[in-house]
Protein backbone atom coordinates (compact mmCIF):
# COMPACT_ATOMS: atom_id res chain seq x y z
CA MET A 1 0.52 63.98 -7.87
CA GLU A 2 0.23 65.49 -11.33
CA LEU A 3 -3.24 66.75 -10.46
CA LEU A 4 -1.88 68.53 -7.41
CA VAL A 5 0.79 70.21 -9.55
CA VAL A 6 -1.84 71.37 -12.04
CA ILE A 7 -4.02 72.74 -9.23
CA ALA A 8 -1.02 74.55 -7.75
CA ILE A 9 -0.17 76.10 -11.12
CA ILE A 10 -3.77 77.23 -11.61
CA GLY A 11 -3.73 78.76 -8.12
CA ILE A 12 -0.56 80.68 -8.92
CA LEU A 13 -2.01 81.95 -12.21
CA VAL A 14 -5.20 83.09 -10.49
CA ALA A 15 -3.16 84.89 -7.84
CA LEU A 16 -1.17 86.63 -10.57
CA LEU A 17 -4.21 87.55 -12.65
CA LEU A 18 -6.49 88.74 -9.83
CA PRO A 19 -4.69 92.06 -9.20
CA ALA A 20 -4.75 92.78 -12.94
CA VAL A 21 -8.49 92.06 -13.10
CA GLN A 22 -9.13 94.26 -10.08
CA ALA A 23 -7.04 97.05 -11.59
CA ALA A 24 -8.96 96.79 -14.87
CA ARG A 25 -12.29 96.98 -13.03
CA GLU A 26 -11.16 100.04 -11.07
CA ALA A 27 -9.97 101.69 -14.28
CA ALA A 28 -13.45 101.17 -15.73
CA ARG A 29 -15.07 102.58 -12.58
CA ARG A 30 -12.77 105.58 -12.60
CA MET A 31 -13.61 106.22 -16.26
CA GLN A 32 -17.36 106.08 -15.50
CA CYS A 33 -16.81 108.41 -12.55
CA ALA A 34 -14.99 110.88 -14.79
CA ASN A 35 -17.80 110.61 -17.34
CA ASN A 36 -20.34 111.48 -14.63
CA LEU A 37 -18.34 114.61 -13.84
CA LYS A 38 -18.17 115.43 -17.55
CA GLN A 39 -21.96 115.30 -17.76
CA LEU A 40 -22.22 117.53 -14.69
CA GLY A 41 -19.81 119.96 -16.35
CA ILE A 42 -22.02 120.08 -19.43
CA ALA A 43 -25.07 120.63 -17.20
CA LEU A 44 -23.25 123.51 -15.47
CA HIS A 45 -22.56 125.17 -18.81
CA ASN A 46 -26.15 124.70 -19.96
CA TYR A 47 -27.41 126.14 -16.68
CA HIS A 48 -25.06 129.11 -17.10
CA SER A 49 -26.28 129.65 -20.66
CA THR A 50 -29.84 129.80 -19.34
CA PHE A 51 -29.41 131.81 -16.13
CA GLY A 52 -26.10 133.66 -16.57
CA GLN A 53 -24.41 132.07 -13.55
CA PHE A 54 -23.83 128.72 -11.85
CA PRO A 55 -26.72 127.35 -9.73
CA LEU A 56 -27.18 128.76 -6.25
CA GLN A 57 -27.08 126.82 -3.03
CA ALA A 58 -30.85 126.83 -2.37
CA GLY A 59 -31.78 125.13 -5.61
CA GLY A 60 -31.90 128.42 -7.45
CA HIS A 61 -34.64 129.73 -5.17
CA PRO A 62 -34.44 132.25 -2.29
CA GLY A 63 -33.47 130.65 1.01
CA TYR A 64 -30.53 129.71 3.19
CA GLU A 65 -28.96 126.32 2.56
CA ASP A 66 -32.31 124.75 1.69
CA CYS A 67 -31.67 122.79 -1.48
CA SER A 68 -28.19 122.29 -2.85
CA TYR A 69 -27.00 123.63 -6.19
CA LEU A 70 -27.28 120.07 -7.54
CA VAL A 71 -31.06 120.47 -7.30
CA GLY A 72 -30.82 123.34 -9.79
CA LEU A 73 -29.01 121.06 -12.22
CA LEU A 74 -31.70 118.35 -12.24
CA PRO A 75 -33.56 119.67 -15.32
CA PHE A 76 -30.24 119.69 -17.21
CA LEU A 77 -29.58 116.05 -16.31
CA GLU A 78 -32.84 114.59 -17.64
CA GLU A 79 -34.38 114.74 -14.14
CA GLN A 80 -37.12 117.28 -14.89
CA THR A 81 -39.84 115.12 -13.32
CA LEU A 82 -37.95 114.93 -10.03
CA TYR A 83 -37.38 118.70 -10.08
CA ASP A 84 -41.04 119.43 -10.85
CA GLY A 85 -42.08 117.50 -7.76
CA ILE A 86 -40.21 119.81 -5.37
CA ASP A 87 -42.34 122.15 -3.24
CA PHE A 88 -40.16 125.24 -2.91
CA ASP A 89 -42.73 126.84 -0.57
CA LEU A 90 -41.74 124.41 2.18
CA VAL A 91 -39.32 125.51 4.89
CA GLU A 92 -37.18 122.54 3.86
CA PRO A 93 -37.99 121.79 0.21
CA GLU A 94 -35.29 119.10 0.15
CA HIS A 95 -37.78 117.04 2.18
CA SER A 96 -40.55 117.36 -0.42
CA ILE A 97 -42.43 114.08 -0.84
CA ILE A 98 -42.00 112.84 -4.42
CA GLY A 99 -43.15 109.40 -5.47
CA GLY A 100 -43.76 108.41 -1.87
CA LYS A 101 -40.38 109.41 -0.47
CA ARG A 102 -38.49 112.56 0.34
CA LEU A 103 -36.30 114.28 -2.23
CA VAL A 104 -33.23 113.59 -0.09
CA GLU A 105 -33.91 109.84 -0.41
CA HIS A 106 -33.94 109.79 -4.21
CA VAL A 107 -30.80 108.19 -5.63
CA VAL A 108 -29.66 109.95 -8.82
CA PRO A 109 -27.20 107.73 -10.73
CA ALA A 110 -25.46 110.76 -12.28
CA PHE A 111 -24.39 111.83 -8.77
CA LEU A 112 -22.80 108.48 -7.84
CA CYS A 113 -19.25 107.32 -8.41
CA PRO A 114 -19.21 103.53 -9.02
CA SER A 115 -16.04 103.20 -6.92
CA GLU A 116 -17.88 104.29 -3.76
CA SER A 117 -17.93 101.24 -1.49
CA GLN A 118 -20.35 102.53 1.17
CA GLY A 119 -23.48 102.35 -0.98
CA SER A 120 -25.94 104.92 -2.30
CA LEU A 121 -27.75 105.66 0.98
CA LEU A 122 -26.57 106.83 4.39
CA VAL A 123 -28.49 107.21 7.65
CA ALA A 124 -28.37 110.90 8.56
CA LYS A 125 -29.59 112.99 11.46
CA GLU A 126 -31.06 116.46 11.23
CA ASN A 127 -29.45 117.82 14.39
CA CYS A 128 -27.22 115.73 16.64
CA ASP A 129 -27.67 118.07 19.60
CA GLU A 130 -31.38 117.22 19.71
CA GLN A 131 -30.94 113.52 18.84
CA PRO A 132 -33.92 113.38 16.45
CA ASP A 133 -35.02 110.38 14.45
CA ALA A 134 -32.56 109.24 11.81
CA TYR A 135 -33.54 109.25 8.14
CA ALA A 136 -32.19 107.86 4.89
CA SER A 137 -30.35 110.22 2.58
CA ALA A 138 -29.03 109.64 -0.93
CA VAL A 139 -25.31 110.00 -1.52
CA GLY A 140 -23.80 112.46 -3.97
CA ASN A 141 -20.14 111.95 -4.85
CA TYR A 142 -19.63 115.30 -6.61
CA ALA A 143 -19.70 118.82 -5.20
CA GLY A 144 -19.12 122.39 -6.31
CA SER A 145 -15.90 123.99 -5.14
CA LEU A 146 -15.64 126.85 -2.65
CA GLY A 147 -11.95 126.93 -3.51
CA SER A 148 -9.20 127.80 -1.06
CA GLN A 149 -11.65 128.73 1.67
CA GLN A 150 -11.56 129.20 5.44
CA MET A 151 -13.50 126.07 6.46
CA GLY A 152 -13.71 126.72 10.20
CA ARG A 153 -12.20 125.02 13.24
CA SER A 154 -14.83 122.70 14.67
CA VAL A 155 -12.27 120.42 16.34
CA PRO A 156 -8.61 120.76 17.31
CA CYS A 157 -6.81 120.38 13.97
CA ASN A 158 -3.66 122.21 12.98
CA LEU A 159 -3.92 122.13 9.20
CA ALA A 160 -0.77 124.24 8.84
CA ALA A 161 1.24 121.40 10.39
CA ILE A 162 0.08 119.23 7.46
CA VAL A 163 0.18 121.61 4.48
CA GLY A 164 2.39 124.48 5.69
CA GLY A 165 1.46 127.99 6.73
CA GLY A 166 1.75 129.88 3.47
CA ASP A 167 -1.61 131.61 3.92
CA PRO A 168 -2.03 135.16 5.35
CA ASP A 169 -2.77 134.09 8.94
CA GLY A 170 -0.62 130.96 8.97
CA ASP A 171 -3.31 128.38 9.79
CA GLY A 172 -3.18 126.59 6.44
CA GLN A 173 -6.62 127.80 5.35
CA ASN A 174 -7.74 130.59 2.99
CA TRP A 175 -4.43 130.50 1.10
CA TYR A 176 -4.92 133.73 -0.86
CA GLY A 177 -6.93 135.75 1.66
CA TYR A 178 -10.08 135.84 -0.47
CA GLY A 179 -12.04 133.08 1.26
CA THR A 180 -13.15 133.88 4.80
CA LEU A 181 -15.72 131.75 6.67
CA PRO A 182 -18.13 130.44 4.01
CA TRP A 183 -21.30 131.98 5.40
CA GLY A 184 -22.45 135.47 6.33
CA GLY A 185 -20.73 138.68 5.26
CA ASP A 186 -21.36 140.13 1.82
CA GLN A 187 -20.94 136.86 -0.06
CA ALA A 188 -24.69 136.65 -0.67
CA THR A 189 -24.55 139.60 -3.05
CA SER A 190 -21.00 139.84 -4.39
CA GLY A 191 -19.01 136.71 -3.58
CA LYS A 192 -16.09 138.82 -2.36
CA GLU A 193 -15.47 136.40 0.49
CA ILE A 194 -15.55 133.26 -1.66
CA SER A 195 -12.36 131.87 -3.16
CA GLY A 196 -13.96 129.44 -5.62
CA VAL A 197 -17.07 129.38 -7.77
CA PHE A 198 -19.73 128.18 -5.30
CA ALA A 199 -20.67 129.50 -1.86
CA ARG A 200 -22.24 127.72 1.07
CA SER A 201 -25.30 129.90 0.45
CA GLY A 202 -26.54 132.91 -1.49
CA TRP A 203 -23.96 133.27 -4.28
CA SER A 204 -22.43 131.49 -7.24
CA ALA A 205 -20.00 132.69 -9.90
CA ASN A 206 -20.50 133.58 -13.52
CA PHE A 207 -17.79 133.19 -16.12
CA HIS A 208 -16.77 136.86 -15.91
CA GLU A 209 -15.91 136.38 -12.23
CA ILE A 210 -13.49 133.55 -12.97
CA THR A 211 -10.64 135.89 -13.89
CA ASP A 212 -7.94 133.20 -13.69
CA GLY A 213 -9.63 131.46 -16.61
CA THR A 214 -12.11 128.60 -16.69
CA SER A 215 -9.44 126.10 -17.73
CA LYS A 216 -7.38 126.93 -14.63
CA THR A 217 -10.16 126.93 -12.03
CA ILE A 218 -11.78 123.88 -10.41
CA GLY A 219 -15.57 123.86 -10.68
CA LEU A 220 -16.53 120.46 -9.28
CA LEU A 221 -14.66 117.90 -7.21
CA GLU A 222 -15.15 114.30 -6.23
CA ILE A 223 -16.23 113.76 -2.61
CA ARG A 224 -17.14 111.02 -0.13
CA PRO A 225 -19.90 112.09 2.29
CA TYR A 226 -19.33 108.88 4.27
CA CYS A 227 -16.04 110.38 5.46
CA GLY A 228 -17.79 113.31 7.16
CA HIS A 229 -20.29 113.77 10.00
CA ARG A 230 -23.70 112.09 9.93
CA CYS A 231 -25.40 115.32 11.11
CA HIS A 232 -23.74 117.26 8.31
CA SER A 233 -22.09 115.53 5.35
CA TRP A 234 -24.51 112.59 5.51
CA GLN A 235 -27.60 114.74 4.85
CA GLY A 236 -27.51 113.98 1.14
CA TRP A 237 -26.92 115.54 -2.27
CA ALA A 238 -30.18 117.51 -2.15
CA ASP A 239 -29.45 119.28 1.15
CA GLY A 240 -27.32 122.42 0.94
CA ARG A 241 -26.07 121.99 4.48
CA ALA A 242 -24.21 118.88 3.36
CA MET A 243 -22.84 120.20 0.08
CA TRP A 244 -20.12 122.79 0.76
CA TYR A 245 -16.67 121.54 -0.17
CA GLY A 246 -13.43 123.20 -1.20
CA THR A 247 -9.79 122.64 -2.02
CA THR A 248 -8.59 123.51 1.50
CA PRO A 249 -8.45 119.88 2.72
CA PRO A 250 -5.62 117.86 1.15
CA ILE A 251 -6.89 115.36 -1.43
CA ASN A 252 -7.86 112.02 0.16
CA PHE A 253 -6.92 113.11 3.69
CA PRO A 254 -7.96 110.14 5.89
CA THR A 255 -11.20 110.83 7.79
CA CYS A 256 -13.11 107.70 6.69
CA ALA A 257 -13.97 105.31 9.52
CA GLY A 258 -12.46 101.87 9.03
CA GLU A 259 -10.22 102.97 6.19
CA ASN A 260 -6.53 103.92 6.08
CA GLY A 261 -6.07 103.36 9.80
CA VAL A 262 -8.89 105.70 10.88
CA SER A 263 -10.82 104.29 13.83
CA GLY A 264 -14.07 105.30 15.48
CA PRO A 265 -17.79 105.10 14.71
CA ALA A 266 -18.68 105.95 11.11
CA GLY A 267 -19.97 109.50 10.83
CA GLU A 268 -19.22 110.22 14.47
CA ILE A 269 -15.44 109.94 14.90
CA PRO A 270 -14.88 112.08 18.03
CA SER A 271 -13.04 115.39 18.17
CA SER A 272 -10.31 113.69 20.22
CA GLU A 273 -9.07 112.28 16.90
CA GLY A 274 -8.17 115.82 15.78
CA CYS A 275 -7.77 116.22 12.03
CA HIS A 276 -9.20 112.72 11.50
CA ALA A 277 -12.47 113.50 13.31
CA SER A 278 -15.76 113.43 11.41
CA HIS A 279 -16.37 117.10 12.13
CA SER A 280 -12.88 118.36 11.24
CA THR A 281 -14.09 120.60 8.41
CA PRO A 282 -10.58 121.68 7.24
CA THR A 283 -9.79 118.03 6.45
CA VAL A 284 -13.28 116.55 5.83
CA GLN A 285 -14.89 119.04 3.44
CA GLY A 286 -12.63 118.39 0.48
CA ALA A 287 -11.90 116.04 -2.42
CA LYS A 288 -11.89 112.33 -1.56
CA SER A 289 -12.23 109.22 -3.67
CA GLN A 290 -11.53 105.50 -3.64
CA HIS A 291 -9.43 105.74 -6.79
CA PRO A 292 -5.82 104.93 -5.94
CA GLY A 293 -3.62 108.01 -5.76
CA GLY A 294 -6.02 110.91 -6.25
CA ALA A 295 -9.48 112.08 -7.30
CA ASN A 296 -11.40 113.40 -10.30
CA PHE A 297 -12.09 117.09 -10.85
CA CYS A 298 -14.16 119.02 -13.38
CA PHE A 299 -12.73 122.41 -14.28
CA CYS A 300 -14.92 125.36 -15.15
CA ASP A 301 -14.31 124.88 -18.87
CA GLY A 302 -15.82 121.39 -18.60
CA ALA A 303 -12.52 119.47 -18.76
CA VAL A 304 -12.23 116.53 -16.35
CA LYS A 305 -8.81 115.82 -14.85
CA PHE A 306 -7.42 113.38 -12.30
CA LEU A 307 -5.32 115.19 -9.72
CA ALA A 308 -2.79 113.26 -7.64
CA GLU A 309 -3.22 113.34 -3.86
CA ASN A 310 0.41 114.41 -3.52
CA ILE A 311 -0.07 117.46 -5.74
CA ASP A 312 1.90 120.52 -4.62
CA TYR A 313 -0.43 122.13 -2.07
CA PRO A 314 0.03 125.80 -3.12
CA LEU A 315 -0.60 124.74 -6.73
CA TYR A 316 -3.77 122.93 -5.65
CA GLN A 317 -4.97 126.07 -3.88
CA ALA A 318 -4.25 128.14 -6.98
CA LEU A 319 -6.40 125.76 -9.03
CA GLY A 320 -9.18 126.19 -6.46
CA ASP A 321 -9.12 129.99 -6.41
CA ARG A 322 -10.75 131.89 -9.28
CA ARG A 323 -8.77 135.16 -9.04
CA ASP A 324 -5.35 134.55 -7.46
CA GLU A 325 -3.46 135.51 -10.66
CA VAL A 326 -0.90 132.77 -10.02
CA SER A 327 0.86 131.50 -13.14
CA ILE A 328 0.12 127.79 -13.58
CA GLY A 329 2.34 125.54 -15.65
CA GLU A 330 2.39 121.79 -16.10
CA TYR A 331 0.93 119.62 -13.34
């Protein structure tokens, strides 16, 4: 009888301690995740010191959405050997064969948040319309910010019904009118149509273009490619077509299959699910994490901050835009 009492007491103690242990482990993971972003922020500044601007989508080389801007940061993250193996003469240099596998398959620890539960590799497709062979792609949990950008309307999703219609055309996107569709136009030469500091292709900001101040403008945000489309977001950190994210989607908006009540096949949640669909760019292509209550961000001055998922939406858009001239207080 006494043994049963002791066992029961031990069981109760374990039940009480387990949540505390799990919370401590998550705190450690979140700290490591923030440190990864800090190192990326330092790499951004070193890149800027060398080239006078942030890295371009295309790996710093001419092209349209070939390599992502993260490729340009590789030499500044002690990944010079990986960078030197890239053949930029290829049509798709992100598929350069390095060490027996394609660049997009190389897992770079600095690009991974330890809280990510879906692993370091996803199975992507090049073009879902043609149903080609699937291929492995390495996950990146950090992306440059397009800011408060028009992200398109690939599926029926009324973002204004979620965040309000305080933007010029009332659809909840492009809050300050500076960020039209993130491709085409004159963005390749001037960035006039880009709200944040990175573009989907052809342009990136320099410090002089961040007129709101580097401490008040988001440079990098935490993301979860798993929560997007396998023919798009799943194409890996090295592929520019997968790496265009902004502050338009609310932080941690649920689009992740099997999580937070979202149902459907991972990477292919159908458009019938509206704003929760895998191809709902106004809700997919934004900050997401598995940290309770928010996500990590690196500002353009290199400071890393955790922003709550219930942050005031207009304030969040102001932090995403580099030239809105909105006065920002405590948050």
